[in-house]
């Protein structure tokens, strides 16, 4: 359960990454310290910054800048990769097309998902089938994004090894049948600058309050605009002030279930108070698409629900959870 935190912790994960492929990593003093910090952050806030993650700041900036170049294109050009149900909900969506709790969000975006063979996940996966729609302009867009996705996938897996240790499991607790073949989602998002009315900035909600669906999210946000806000237990909205070169990380609904509610998938929203256009690239590392997600045995044993019960949450099939969200998220 989230606490009444007032700021988000900053965690240097470089000691974890140095040992992430070592079967004895749990015995390393540097890893032990990082694991303690990850565990505390997941319990207290469900959000934290990571630094020392090994992805170059230059690449992080390039991903944002090429995304910004796309959103500057004429509307007709962007519509060449328009998202539709027939396209597997992959592609470009205009401002206001994404809906959170029935209200349109003031952002535009490109949505991408891990590609998979037609029929692989049967009826559950049918709605998500299809190739990602990458724009031809700007040039090298697809190549840059695919490089970035691979690095974010590896980084997420390694952070989750530390989180698994924090829960008292093996570093590979989230691999195999849970996330040995992880699904991923990436949203390239553009938030218009706040409009002026009668000489004052209006606070349009770029993205309404929500939790994320999966395991772990990596947020790559503009360095000079504070817009992401996280709600603490007292109901206050705490700003995730940009730290250049860092990722803002948060845990999602599937990790909350796996931890038996010990870790919190915390409500967050985006309000761009700046008059300038804001870009954010959010990478969502998920379970296997067809994973049946329920509390880990170690979490049932260590963190019982009380009243003679050991399991707080019912099981969920990740793919069903994702498809149900995607099919109700767009005003189309």
C-alpha atoms as a PDB file:
ATOM      1  CA  UNK A   1       0.000   0.000   0.000  1.00  0.00           C
ATOM      2  CA  UNK A   2       1.342   3.402  -0.976  1.00  0.00           C
ATOM      3  CA  UNK A   3       2.301   5.762   1.831  1.00  0.00           C
ATOM      4  CA  UNK A   4       2.019   9.520   2.265  1.00  0.00           C
ATOM      5  CA  UNK A   5       5.258  10.056   0.312  1.00  0.00           C
ATOM      6  CA  UNK A   6       6.266  13.603  -0.655  1.00  0.00           C
ATOM      7  CA  UNK A   7       8.850  12.818  -3.324  1.00  0.00           C
ATOM      8  CA  UNK A   8       9.979   9.886  -5.453  1.00  0.00           C
ATOM      9  CA  UNK A   9      13.202   8.030  -4.586  1.00  0.00           C
ATOM     10  CA  UNK A  10      16.178   8.023  -6.948  1.00  0.00           C
ATOM     11  CA  UNK A  11      17.908   4.638  -7.262  1.00  0.00           C
ATOM     12  CA  UNK A  12      21.300   4.017  -8.882  1.00  0.00           C
ATOM     13  CA  UNK A  13      20.862   0.486 -10.227  1.00  0.00           C
ATOM     14  CA  UNK A  14      24.372   0.110 -11.683  1.00  0.00           C
ATOM     15  CA  UNK A  15      25.490  -2.375  -8.960  1.00  0.00           C
ATOM     16  CA  UNK A  16      22.494  -4.568  -9.839  1.00  0.00           C
ATOM     17  CA  UNK A  17      23.237  -4.462 -13.566  1.00  0.00           C
ATOM     18  CA  UNK A  18      26.857  -5.470 -12.983  1.00  0.00           C
ATOM     19  CA  UNK A  19      25.717  -8.722 -11.367  1.00  0.00           C
ATOM     20  CA  UNK A  20      22.344  -9.336 -13.037  1.00  0.00           C
ATOM     21  CA  UNK A  21      23.550 -12.475 -14.869  1.00  0.00           C
ATOM     22  CA  UNK A  22      25.372 -13.900 -11.839  1.00  0.00           C
ATOM     23  CA  UNK A  23      23.422 -16.777 -10.184  1.00  0.00           C
ATOM     24  CA  UNK A  24      24.880 -15.618  -6.855  1.00  0.00           C
ATOM     25  CA  UNK A  25      23.895 -11.976  -7.342  1.00  0.00           C
ATOM     26  CA  UNK A  26      21.768 -12.008  -4.185  1.00  0.00           C
ATOM     27  CA  UNK A  27      24.933 -12.293  -2.078  1.00  0.00           C
ATOM     28  CA  UNK A  28      26.637  -9.222  -3.522  1.00  0.00           C
ATOM     29  CA  UNK A  29      26.662  -6.228  -1.107  1.00  0.00           C
ATOM     30  CA  UNK A  30      25.990  -3.732  -3.891  1.00  0.00           C
ATOM     31  CA  UNK A  31      23.044  -5.749  -5.172  1.00  0.00           C
ATOM     32  CA  UNK A  32      21.671  -6.135  -1.647  1.00  0.00           C
ATOM     33  CA  UNK A  33      21.602  -2.360  -1.217  1.00  0.00           C
ATOM     34  CA  UNK A  34      19.854  -1.763  -4.561  1.00  0.00           C
ATOM     35  CA  UNK A  35      17.307  -4.487  -3.761  1.00  0.00           C
ATOM     36  CA  UNK A  36      16.507  -2.822  -0.434  1.00  0.00           C
ATOM     37  CA  UNK A  37      15.897   0.484  -2.194  1.00  0.00           C
ATOM     38  CA  UNK A  38      13.710  -1.105  -4.887  1.00  0.00           C
ATOM     39  CA  UNK A  39      11.671  -2.973  -2.296  1.00  0.00           C
ATOM     40  CA  UNK A  40      11.098   0.161  -0.224  1.00  0.00           C
ATOM     41  CA  UNK A  41      10.149   2.210  -3.289  1.00  0.00           C
ATOM     42  CA  UNK A  42       7.666  -0.418  -4.510  1.00  0.00           C
ATOM     43  CA  UNK A  43       6.044  -0.611  -1.067  1.00  0.00           C
ATOM     44  CA  UNK A  44       5.947   3.104  -0.313  1.00  0.00           C
ATOM     45  CA  UNK A  45       5.210   4.762  -3.658  1.00  0.00           C
ATOM     46  CA  UNK A  46       5.081   2.274  -6.521  1.00  0.00           C
ATOM     47  CA  UNK A  47       7.176   4.894  -8.372  1.00  0.00           C
ATOM     48  CA  UNK A  48      10.902   5.667  -8.474  1.00  0.00           C
ATOM     49  CA  UNK A  49      13.605   7.091 -10.723  1.00  0.00           C
ATOM     50  CA  UNK A  50      16.414   4.883 -11.996  1.00  0.00           C
ATOM     51  CA  UNK A  51      19.860   6.182 -12.895  1.00  0.00           C
ATOM     52  CA  UNK A  52      22.975   4.194 -13.763  1.00  0.00           C
ATOM     53  CA  UNK A  53      20.783   2.123 -16.102  1.00  0.00           C
ATOM     54  CA  UNK A  54      23.252   1.850 -18.978  1.00  0.00           C
ATOM     55  CA  UNK A  55      21.116   3.366 -21.768  1.00  0.00           C
ATOM     56  CA  UNK A  56      22.878   6.419 -23.172  1.00  0.00           C
ATOM     57  CA  UNK A  57      21.366   9.836 -22.547  1.00  0.00           C
ATOM     58  CA  UNK A  58      22.022  10.595 -26.211  1.00  0.00           C
ATOM     59  CA  UNK A  59      19.755   7.738 -27.333  1.00  0.00           C
ATOM     60  CA  UNK A  60      17.087   8.669 -24.795  1.00  0.00           C
ATOM     61  CA  UNK A  61      17.020  12.201 -26.235  1.00  0.00           C
ATOM     62  CA  UNK A  62      17.050  11.001 -29.857  1.00  0.00           C
ATOM     63  CA  UNK A  63      13.956   8.879 -29.221  1.00  0.00           C
ATOM     64  CA  UNK A  64      12.090  11.908 -27.872  1.00  0.00           C
ATOM     65  CA  UNK A  65      13.292  14.224 -30.626  1.00  0.00           C
ATOM     66  CA  UNK A  66      12.342  11.952 -33.524  1.00  0.00           C
ATOM     67  CA  UNK A  67       8.951  11.481 -31.872  1.00  0.00           C
ATOM     68  CA  UNK A  68       8.577  15.261 -31.695  1.00  0.00           C
ATOM     69  CA  UNK A  69       9.479  15.514 -35.396  1.00  0.00           C
ATOM     70  CA  UNK A  70       6.659  13.108 -36.251  1.00  0.00           C
ATOM     71  CA  UNK A  71       4.072  15.019 -34.249  1.00  0.00           C
ATOM     72  CA  UNK A  72       5.077  18.257 -36.036  1.00  0.00           C
ATOM     73  CA  UNK A  73       4.038  16.756 -39.387  1.00  0.00           C
ATOM     74  CA  UNK A  74       0.777  17.796 -41.053  1.00  0.00           C
ATOM     75  CA  UNK A  75      -2.251  15.920 -39.774  1.00  0.00           C
ATOM     76  CA  UNK A  76      -2.761  14.250 -43.174  1.00  0.00           C
ATOM     77  CA  UNK A  77       0.751  12.797 -43.003  1.00  0.00           C
ATOM     78  CA  UNK A  78       0.186  11.398 -39.509  1.00  0.00           C
ATOM     79  CA  UNK A  79      -3.067   9.781 -40.637  1.00  0.00           C
ATOM     80  CA  UNK A  80      -1.092   7.514 -42.974  1.00  0.00           C
ATOM     81  CA  UNK A  81      -0.535   5.278 -39.942  1.00  0.00           C
ATOM     82  CA  UNK A  82      -3.948   5.829 -38.338  1.00  0.00           C
ATOM     83  CA  UNK A  83      -4.824   3.363 -35.584  1.00  0.00           C
ATOM     84  CA  UNK A  84      -7.937   1.254 -36.186  1.00  0.00           C
ATOM     85  CA  UNK A  85      -9.320  -1.973 -34.692  1.00  0.00           C
ATOM     86  CA  UNK A  86      -8.489  -3.667 -38.017  1.00  0.00           C
ATOM     87  CA  UNK A  87      -4.843  -2.646 -37.539  1.00  0.00           C
ATOM     88  CA  UNK A  88      -4.705  -4.356 -34.141  1.00  0.00           C
ATOM     89  CA  UNK A  89      -5.017  -1.013 -32.338  1.00  0.00           C
ATOM     90  CA  UNK A  90      -1.525  -0.128 -33.573  1.00  0.00           C
ATOM     91  CA  UNK A  91      -0.673   3.269 -34.997  1.00  0.00           C
ATOM     92  CA  UNK A  92      -1.461   6.974 -34.665  1.00  0.00           C
ATOM     93  CA  UNK A  93      -4.346   8.402 -32.657  1.00  0.00           C
ATOM     94  CA  UNK A  94      -5.415  12.029 -32.749  1.00  0.00           C
ATOM     95  CA  UNK A  95      -5.840  14.332 -29.746  1.00  0.00           C
ATOM     96  CA  UNK A  96      -8.841  13.320 -27.667  1.00  0.00           C
ATOM     97  CA  UNK A  97      -9.136   9.836 -29.139  1.00  0.00           C
ATOM     98  CA  UNK A  98      -7.671   8.118 -26.073  1.00  0.00           C
ATOM     99  CA  UNK A  99     -10.206   8.034 -23.247  1.00  0.00           C
ATOM    100  CA  UNK A 100      -9.587   7.585 -19.508  1.00  0.00           C
ATOM    101  CA  UNK A 101     -12.640   6.827 -17.375  1.00  0.00           C
ATOM    102  CA  UNK A 102     -14.953   8.221 -20.039  1.00  0.00           C
ATOM    103  CA  UNK A 103     -13.114  11.518 -20.537  1.00  0.00           C
ATOM    104  CA  UNK A 104     -10.972  12.325 -23.594  1.00  0.00           C
ATOM    105  CA  UNK A 105      -7.257  12.799 -22.942  1.00  0.00           C
ATOM    106  CA  UNK A 106      -5.546  15.840 -24.411  1.00  0.00           C
ATOM    107  CA  UNK A 107      -2.729  14.065 -26.178  1.00  0.00           C
ATOM    108  CA  UNK A 108      -1.863  12.412 -29.481  1.00  0.00           C
ATOM    109  CA  UNK A 109       0.117   9.202 -29.696  1.00  0.00           C
ATOM    110  CA  UNK A 110       1.546   6.286 -31.623  1.00  0.00           C
ATOM    111  CA  UNK A 111       0.785   2.923 -30.002  1.00  0.00           C
ATOM    112  CA  UNK A 112       3.042  -0.071 -30.646  1.00  0.00           C
ATOM    113  CA  UNK A 113       2.898  -3.636 -29.328  1.00  0.00           C
ATOM    114  CA  UNK A 114       5.058  -6.718 -29.521  1.00  0.00           C
ATOM    115  CA  UNK A 115       4.227  -8.455 -32.773  1.00  0.00           C
ATOM    116  CA  UNK A 116       3.177 -12.110 -32.824  1.00  0.00           C
ATOM    117  CA  UNK A 117       2.081 -14.683 -35.400  1.00  0.00           C
ATOM    118  CA  UNK A 118      -1.560 -14.748 -36.409  1.00  0.00           C
ATOM    119  CA  UNK A 119      -3.470 -17.282 -34.329  1.00  0.00           C
ATOM    120  CA  UNK A 120      -0.737 -17.702 -31.708  1.00  0.00           C
ATOM    121  CA  UNK A 121      -3.003 -16.660 -28.837  1.00  0.00           C
ATOM    122  CA  UNK A 122      -6.307 -17.811 -30.307  1.00  0.00           C
ATOM    123  CA  UNK A 123      -9.425 -15.730 -29.820  1.00  0.00           C
ATOM    124  CA  UNK A 124      -7.880 -13.716 -26.962  1.00  0.00           C
ATOM    125  CA  UNK A 125      -5.098 -12.354 -29.126  1.00  0.00           C
ATOM    126  CA  UNK A 126      -7.081 -11.822 -32.321  1.00  0.00           C
ATOM    127  CA  UNK A 127      -7.873  -8.156 -31.542  1.00  0.00           C
ATOM    128  CA  UNK A 128      -4.156  -7.347 -31.172  1.00  0.00           C
ATOM    129  CA  UNK A 129      -2.865  -9.116 -34.276  1.00  0.00           C
ATOM    130  CA  UNK A 130      -1.022  -7.179 -36.959  1.00  0.00           C
ATOM    131  CA  UNK A 131       2.290  -5.422 -37.609  1.00  0.00           C
ATOM    132  CA  UNK A 132       3.216  -2.146 -35.977  1.00  0.00           C
ATOM    133  CA  UNK A 133       2.670   0.896 -38.167  1.00  0.00           C
ATOM    134  CA  UNK A 134       5.932   2.836 -38.337  1.00  0.00           C
ATOM    135  CA  UNK A 135       6.035   6.172 -40.186  1.00  0.00           C
ATOM    136  CA  UNK A 136       8.285   6.511 -43.231  1.00  0.00           C
ATOM    137  CA  UNK A 137       8.920  10.105 -42.206  1.00  0.00           C
ATOM    138  CA  UNK A 138      11.081  10.939 -40.235  1.00  0.00           C
ATOM    139  CA  UNK A 139      13.647   8.583 -41.729  1.00  0.00           C
ATOM    140  CA  UNK A 140      15.201   5.877 -39.522  1.00  0.00           C
ATOM    141  CA  UNK A 141      12.198   6.097 -37.166  1.00  0.00           C
ATOM    142  CA  UNK A 142      11.604   2.323 -37.103  1.00  0.00           C
ATOM    143  CA  UNK A 143      15.282   1.432 -36.727  1.00  0.00           C
ATOM    144  CA  UNK A 144      15.805   3.804 -33.807  1.00  0.00           C
ATOM    145  CA  UNK A 145      12.662   2.614 -32.013  1.00  0.00           C
ATOM    146  CA  UNK A 146      13.510  -1.063 -32.434  1.00  0.00           C
ATOM    147  CA  UNK A 147      16.969  -0.478 -30.945  1.00  0.00           C
ATOM    148  CA  UNK A 148      15.387   1.403 -28.043  1.00  0.00           C
ATOM    149  CA  UNK A 149      12.746  -1.301 -27.451  1.00  0.00           C
ATOM    150  CA  UNK A 150      15.427  -4.002 -27.197  1.00  0.00           C
ATOM    151  CA  UNK A 151      17.398  -1.983 -24.641  1.00  0.00           C
ATOM    152  CA  UNK A 152      14.277  -1.179 -22.598  1.00  0.00           C
ATOM    153  CA  UNK A 153      13.246  -4.842 -22.643  1.00  0.00           C
ATOM    154  CA  UNK A 154      16.627  -5.948 -21.272  1.00  0.00           C
ATOM    155  CA  UNK A 155      16.679  -3.163 -18.684  1.00  0.00           C
ATOM    156  CA  UNK A 156      13.174  -3.969 -17.458  1.00  0.00           C
ATOM    157  CA  UNK A 157      14.017  -7.651 -17.083  1.00  0.00           C
ATOM    158  CA  UNK A 158      17.056  -6.791 -14.992  1.00  0.00           C
ATOM    159  CA  UNK A 159      15.185  -4.347 -12.745  1.00  0.00           C
ATOM    160  CA  UNK A 160      12.565  -7.045 -12.161  1.00  0.00           C
ATOM    161  CA  UNK A 161      15.300  -9.441 -11.062  1.00  0.00           C
ATOM    162  CA  UNK A 162      16.075  -6.987  -8.281  1.00  0.00           C
ATOM    163  CA  UNK A 163      12.382  -6.602  -7.430  1.00  0.00           C
ATOM    164  CA  UNK A 164      11.999 -10.391  -7.284  1.00  0.00           C
ATOM    165  CA  UNK A 165      14.820 -10.544  -4.747  1.00  0.00           C
ATOM    166  CA  UNK A 166      13.078  -7.817  -2.754  1.00  0.00           C
ATOM    167  CA  UNK A 167      10.000 -10.035  -2.465  1.00  0.00           C
ATOM    168  CA  UNK A 168      12.166 -12.861  -1.145  1.00  0.00           C
ATOM    169  CA  UNK A 169      12.202 -14.945  -4.306  1.00  0.00           C
ATOM    170  CA  UNK A 170      14.910 -15.971  -6.744  1.00  0.00           C
ATOM    171  CA  UNK A 171      16.064 -13.335  -9.235  1.00  0.00           C
ATOM    172  CA  UNK A 172      14.289 -15.305 -11.975  1.00  0.00           C
ATOM    173  CA  UNK A 173      10.894 -15.395 -10.253  1.00  0.00           C
ATOM    174  CA  UNK A 174       9.220 -13.346 -13.000  1.00  0.00           C
ATOM    175  CA  UNK A 175      10.655 -15.318 -15.902  1.00  0.00           C
ATOM    176  CA  UNK A 176       9.530 -18.629 -17.373  1.00  0.00           C
ATOM    177  CA  UNK A 177       5.754 -19.036 -17.433  1.00  0.00           C
ATOM    178  CA  UNK A 178       5.190 -15.514 -16.053  1.00  0.00           C
ATOM    179  CA  UNK A 179       7.394 -13.399 -18.308  1.00  0.00           C
ATOM    180  CA  UNK A 180       9.840 -15.664 -20.120  1.00  0.00           C
ATOM    181  CA  UNK A 181       8.406 -14.311 -23.385  1.00  0.00           C
ATOM    182  CA  UNK A 182       7.342 -10.862 -22.207  1.00  0.00           C
ATOM    183  CA  UNK A 183       4.788  -8.862 -24.103  1.00  0.00           C
ATOM    184  CA  UNK A 184       5.527  -5.163 -24.382  1.00  0.00           C
ATOM    185  CA  UNK A 185       3.651  -1.987 -25.195  1.00  0.00           C
ATOM    186  CA  UNK A 186       5.175   1.347 -26.186  1.00  0.00           C
ATOM    187  CA  UNK A 187       3.306   4.647 -26.394  1.00  0.00           C
ATOM    188  CA  UNK A 188       4.913   7.666 -28.051  1.00  0.00           C
ATOM    189  CA  UNK A 189       2.904  10.565 -26.660  1.00  0.00           C
ATOM    190  CA  UNK A 190       2.639  14.254 -27.457  1.00  0.00           C
ATOM    191  CA  UNK A 191       0.906  16.704 -25.123  1.00  0.00           C
ATOM    192  CA  UNK A 192      -0.035  20.124 -26.525  1.00  0.00           C
ATOM    193  CA  UNK A 193       1.066  23.154 -24.544  1.00  0.00           C
ATOM    194  CA  UNK A 194      -1.479  24.535 -22.092  1.00  0.00           C
ATOM    195  CA  UNK A 195      -3.732  27.102 -23.790  1.00  0.00           C
ATOM    196  CA  UNK A 196      -4.105  30.683 -22.614  1.00  0.00           C
ATOM    197  CA  UNK A 197      -7.564  31.978 -21.708  1.00  0.00           C
ATOM    198  CA  UNK A 198      -7.936  35.573 -20.539  1.00  0.00           C
ATOM    199  CA  UNK A 199      -4.206  35.767 -19.967  1.00  0.00           C
ATOM    200  CA  UNK A 200      -4.080  32.617 -17.831  1.00  0.00           C
ATOM    201  CA  UNK A 201      -2.847  29.094 -18.523  1.00  0.00           C
ATOM    202  CA  UNK A 202      -5.560  26.437 -18.493  1.00  0.00           C
ATOM    203  CA  UNK A 203      -4.746  23.047 -16.984  1.00  0.00           C
ATOM    204  CA  UNK A 204      -5.990  20.495 -19.511  1.00  0.00           C
ATOM    205  CA  UNK A 205      -5.667  16.892 -18.411  1.00  0.00           C
ATOM    206  CA  UNK A 206      -3.220  15.289 -20.819  1.00  0.00           C
ATOM    207  CA  UNK A 207      -3.974  11.849 -19.405  1.00  0.00           C
ATOM    208  CA  UNK A 208      -6.499  11.150 -16.649  1.00  0.00           C
ATOM    209  CA  UNK A 209      -5.753   9.326 -13.402  1.00  0.00           C
ATOM    210  CA  UNK A 210      -5.055   5.626 -13.999  1.00  0.00           C
ATOM    211  CA  UNK A 211      -2.828   2.713 -13.096  1.00  0.00           C
ATOM    212  CA  UNK A 212      -0.763   0.762 -15.619  1.00  0.00           C
ATOM    213  CA  UNK A 213      -1.715  -2.764 -16.681  1.00  0.00           C
ATOM    214  CA  UNK A 214       1.449  -4.814 -16.615  1.00  0.00           C
ATOM    215  CA  UNK A 215       4.655  -5.380 -14.644  1.00  0.00           C
ATOM    216  CA  UNK A 216       6.948  -2.363 -15.020  1.00  0.00           C
ATOM    217  CA  UNK A 217       6.855   0.945 -16.905  1.00  0.00           C
ATOM    218  CA  UNK A 218       9.855   3.024 -18.028  1.00  0.00           C
ATOM    219  CA  UNK A 219       8.964   6.675 -18.660  1.00  0.00           C
ATOM    220  CA  UNK A 220      11.253   8.810 -20.836  1.00  0.00           C
ATOM    221  CA  UNK A 221      10.000  12.385 -20.418  1.00  0.00           C
ATOM    222  CA  UNK A 222      11.123  15.826 -21.598  1.00  0.00           C
ATOM    223  CA  UNK A 223      13.775  17.308 -19.302  1.00  0.00           C
ATOM    224  CA  UNK A 224      12.276  20.797 -19.084  1.00  0.00           C
ATOM    225  CA  UNK A 225       8.544  20.273 -18.404  1.00  0.00           C
ATOM    226  CA  UNK A 226       7.010  18.874 -15.218  1.00  0.00           C
ATOM    227  CA  UNK A 227       3.682  17.195 -15.987  1.00  0.00           C
ATOM    228  CA  UNK A 228       3.587  13.637 -14.557  1.00  0.00           C
ATOM    229  CA  UNK A 229       1.908  13.486 -11.136  1.00  0.00           C
ATOM    230  CA  UNK A 230       1.605  10.576  -8.700  1.00  0.00           C
ATOM    231  CA  UNK A 231      -1.054  10.361  -5.993  1.00  0.00           C
ATOM    232  CA  UNK A 232       0.040   9.497  -2.459  1.00  0.00           C
ATOM    233  CA  UNK A 233      -2.035   7.877   0.266  1.00  0.00           C
ATOM    234  CA  UNK A 234      -3.192  11.259   1.554  1.00  0.00           C
ATOM    235  CA  UNK A 235      -4.620  12.131  -1.865  1.00  0.00           C
ATOM    236  CA  UNK A 236      -1.953  14.720  -2.742  1.00  0.00           C
ATOM    237  CA  UNK A 237      -0.538  14.790  -6.253  1.00  0.00           C
ATOM    238  CA  UNK A 238       3.277  14.603  -6.186  1.00  0.00           C
ATOM    239  CA  UNK A 239       5.127  15.842  -9.275  1.00  0.00           C
ATOM    240  CA  UNK A 240       7.689  13.577 -10.929  1.00  0.00           C
ATOM    241  CA  UNK A 241      10.126  16.404 -11.678  1.00  0.00           C
ATOM    242  CA  UNK A 242      12.331  15.440 -14.666  1.00  0.00           C
ATOM    243  CA  UNK A 243      15.877  14.261 -13.931  1.00  0.00           C
ATOM    244  CA  UNK A 244      17.879  14.314 -17.201  1.00  0.00           C
ATOM    245  CA  UNK A 245      19.109  10.876 -18.255  1.00  0.00           C
ATOM    246  CA  UNK A 246      16.863   9.024 -15.837  1.00  0.00           C
ATOM    247  CA  UNK A 247      13.774   6.897 -16.294  1.00  0.00           C
ATOM    248  CA  UNK A 248      10.735   7.258 -14.090  1.00  0.00           C
ATOM    249  CA  UNK A 249       9.674   3.701 -13.252  1.00  0.00           C
ATOM    250  CA  UNK A 250       6.394   2.464 -11.871  1.00  0.00           C
ATOM    251  CA  UNK A 251       4.812  -0.890 -11.241  1.00  0.00           C
ATOM    252  CA  UNK A 252       1.574  -2.061 -12.816  1.00  0.00           C
ATOM    253  CA  UNK A 253      -1.511  -4.073 -11.972  1.00  0.00           C
ATOM    254  CA  UNK A 254       0.048  -7.474 -12.775  1.00  0.00           C
ATOM    255  CA  UNK A 255       2.944  -6.913 -10.364  1.00  0.00           C
ATOM    256  CA  UNK A 256       0.495  -5.806  -7.680  1.00  0.00           C
ATOM    257  CA  UNK A 257      -1.314  -9.139  -8.100  1.00  0.00           C
ATOM    258  CA  UNK A 258       1.915 -11.168  -8.156  1.00  0.00           C
ATOM    259  CA  UNK A 259       3.083  -9.491  -4.930  1.00  0.00           C
ATOM    260  CA  UNK A 260      -0.272 -10.250  -3.249  1.00  0.00           C
ATOM    261  CA  UNK A 261      -0.841  -6.518  -2.809  1.00  0.00           C
ATOM    262  CA  UNK A 262       2.450  -5.810  -1.066  1.00  0.00           C
ATOM    263  CA  UNK A 263       3.520  -3.614  -3.976  1.00  0.00           C
ATOM    264  CA  UNK A 264       1.187  -0.880  -5.189  1.00  0.00           C
ATOM    265  CA  UNK A 265       0.231   0.104  -8.739  1.00  0.00           C
ATOM    266  CA  UNK A 266      -0.243   3.762  -7.952  1.00  0.00           C
ATOM    267  CA  UNK A 267      -2.641   6.223  -9.559  1.00  0.00           C
ATOM    268  CA  UNK A 268      -0.955   8.807 -11.747  1.00  0.00           C
ATOM    269  CA  UNK A 269      -1.948  11.437 -14.302  1.00  0.00           C
ATOM    270  CA  UNK A 270      -0.434  13.974 -16.689  1.00  0.00           C
ATOM    271  CA  UNK A 271      -1.183  17.706 -16.646  1.00  0.00           C
ATOM    272  CA  UNK A 272       1.018  19.805 -18.914  1.00  0.00           C
ATOM    273  CA  UNK A 273       1.069  23.246 -17.307  1.00  0.00           C
ATOM    274  CA  UNK A 274       3.710  24.452 -19.743  1.00  0.00           C
ATOM    275  CA  UNK A 275       2.736  26.483 -22.831  1.00  0.00           C
ATOM    276  CA  UNK A 276       5.198  24.268 -24.737  1.00  0.00           C
ATOM    277  CA  UNK A 277       4.525  20.932 -26.432  1.00  0.00           C
ATOM    278  CA  UNK A 278       5.646  17.977 -24.299  1.00  0.00           C
ATOM    279  CA  UNK A 279       6.870  14.565 -25.469  1.00  0.00           C
ATOM    280  CA  UNK A 280       6.913  11.387 -23.396  1.00  0.00           C
ATOM    281  CA  UNK A 281       7.838   7.854 -24.463  1.00  0.00           C
ATOM    282  CA  UNK A 282       6.416   5.188 -22.169  1.00  0.00           C
ATOM    283  CA  UNK A 283       7.644   1.585 -22.429  1.00  0.00           C
ATOM    284  CA  UNK A 284       5.520  -1.026 -20.668  1.00  0.00           C
ATOM    285  CA  UNK A 285       7.146  -4.365 -19.851  1.00  0.00           C
ATOM    286  CA  UNK A 286       4.456  -6.976 -19.414  1.00  0.00           C
ATOM    287  CA  UNK A 287       4.005 -10.649 -18.588  1.00  0.00           C
ATOM    288  CA  UNK A 288       3.657 -13.277 -21.296  1.00  0.00           C
ATOM    289  CA  UNK A 289       0.513 -12.407 -23.263  1.00  0.00           C
ATOM    290  CA  UNK A 290      -1.174 -15.655 -22.210  1.00  0.00           C
ATOM    291  CA  UNK A 291       0.171 -15.705 -18.635  1.00  0.00           C
ATOM    292  CA  UNK A 292      -2.233 -16.627 -15.861  1.00  0.00           C
ATOM    293  CA  UNK A 293      -1.268 -14.120 -13.172  1.00  0.00           C
ATOM    294  CA  UNK A 294      -1.892 -14.812  -9.493  1.00  0.00           C
ATOM    295  CA  UNK A 295       0.031 -14.139  -6.282  1.00  0.00           C
ATOM    296  CA  UNK A 296       3.422 -15.844  -6.130  1.00  0.00           C
ATOM    297  CA  UNK A 297       3.637 -18.668  -3.617  1.00  0.00           C
ATOM    298  CA  UNK A 298       6.317 -16.792  -1.704  1.00  0.00           C
ATOM    299  CA  UNK A 299       3.952 -13.829  -1.357  1.00  0.00           C
ATOM    300  CA  UNK A 300       1.045 -16.001  -0.219  1.00  0.00           C
ATOM    301  CA  UNK A 301       3.261 -17.500   2.462  1.00  0.00           C
ATOM    302  CA  UNK A 302       5.005 -14.327   3.627  1.00  0.00           C
ATOM    303  CA  UNK A 303       2.168 -11.850   3.269  1.00  0.00           C
ATOM    304  CA  UNK A 304      -1.128 -13.624   4.050  1.00  0.00           C
ATOM    305  CA  UNK A 305      -4.361 -11.713   3.632  1.00  0.00           C
ATOM    306  CA  UNK A 306      -5.632 -12.546   7.085  1.00  0.00           C
ATOM    307  CA  UNK A 307      -8.867 -14.191   8.174  1.00  0.00           C
ATOM    308  CA  UNK A 308      -7.340 -17.559   7.403  1.00  0.00           C
ATOM    309  CA  UNK A 309      -6.733 -16.598   3.766  1.00  0.00           C
ATOM    310  CA  UNK A 310      -3.362 -16.332   2.087  1.00  0.00           C
ATOM    311  CA  UNK A 311      -4.393 -14.870  -1.263  1.00  0.00           C
ATOM    312  CA  UNK A 312      -5.682 -11.319  -1.598  1.00  0.00           C
ATOM    313  CA  UNK A 313      -6.248 -11.248  -5.364  1.00  0.00           C
ATOM    314  CA  UNK A 314      -8.002 -13.515  -7.827  1.00  0.00           C
ATOM    315  CA  UNK A 315      -6.047 -14.660 -10.847  1.00  0.00           C
ATOM    316  CA  UNK A 316      -6.089 -12.715 -14.113  1.00  0.00           C
ATOM    317  CA  UNK A 317      -5.080 -13.608 -17.656  1.00  0.00           C
ATOM    318  CA  UNK A 318      -2.901 -10.742 -18.842  1.00  0.00           C
ATOM    319  CA  UNK A 319      -3.998 -10.826 -22.491  1.00  0.00           C
ATOM    320  CA  UNK A 320      -7.671 -10.697 -21.531  1.00  0.00           C
ATOM    321  CA  UNK A 321      -6.959  -7.793 -19.173  1.00  0.00           C
ATOM    322  CA  UNK A 322      -5.069  -5.869 -21.886  1.00  0.00           C
ATOM    323  CA  UNK A 323      -7.635  -6.437 -24.647  1.00  0.00           C
ATOM    324  CA  UNK A 324     -10.526  -5.378 -22.405  1.00  0.00           C
ATOM    325  CA  UNK A 325      -8.696  -2.132 -21.613  1.00  0.00           C
ATOM    326  CA  UNK A 326      -7.644  -1.405 -25.187  1.00  0.00           C
ATOM    327  CA  UNK A 327     -11.126  -1.967 -26.592  1.00  0.00           C
ATOM    328  CA  UNK A 328     -12.639   0.579 -24.199  1.00  0.00           C
ATOM    329  CA  UNK A 329      -9.827   3.155 -24.306  1.00  0.00           C
ATOM    330  CA  UNK A 330     -10.542   4.800 -27.633  1.00  0.00           C
ATOM    331  CA  UNK A 331     -13.338   7.019 -28.965  1.00  0.00           C
ATOM    332  CA  UNK A 332     -13.403   5.682 -32.510  1.00  0.00           C
END
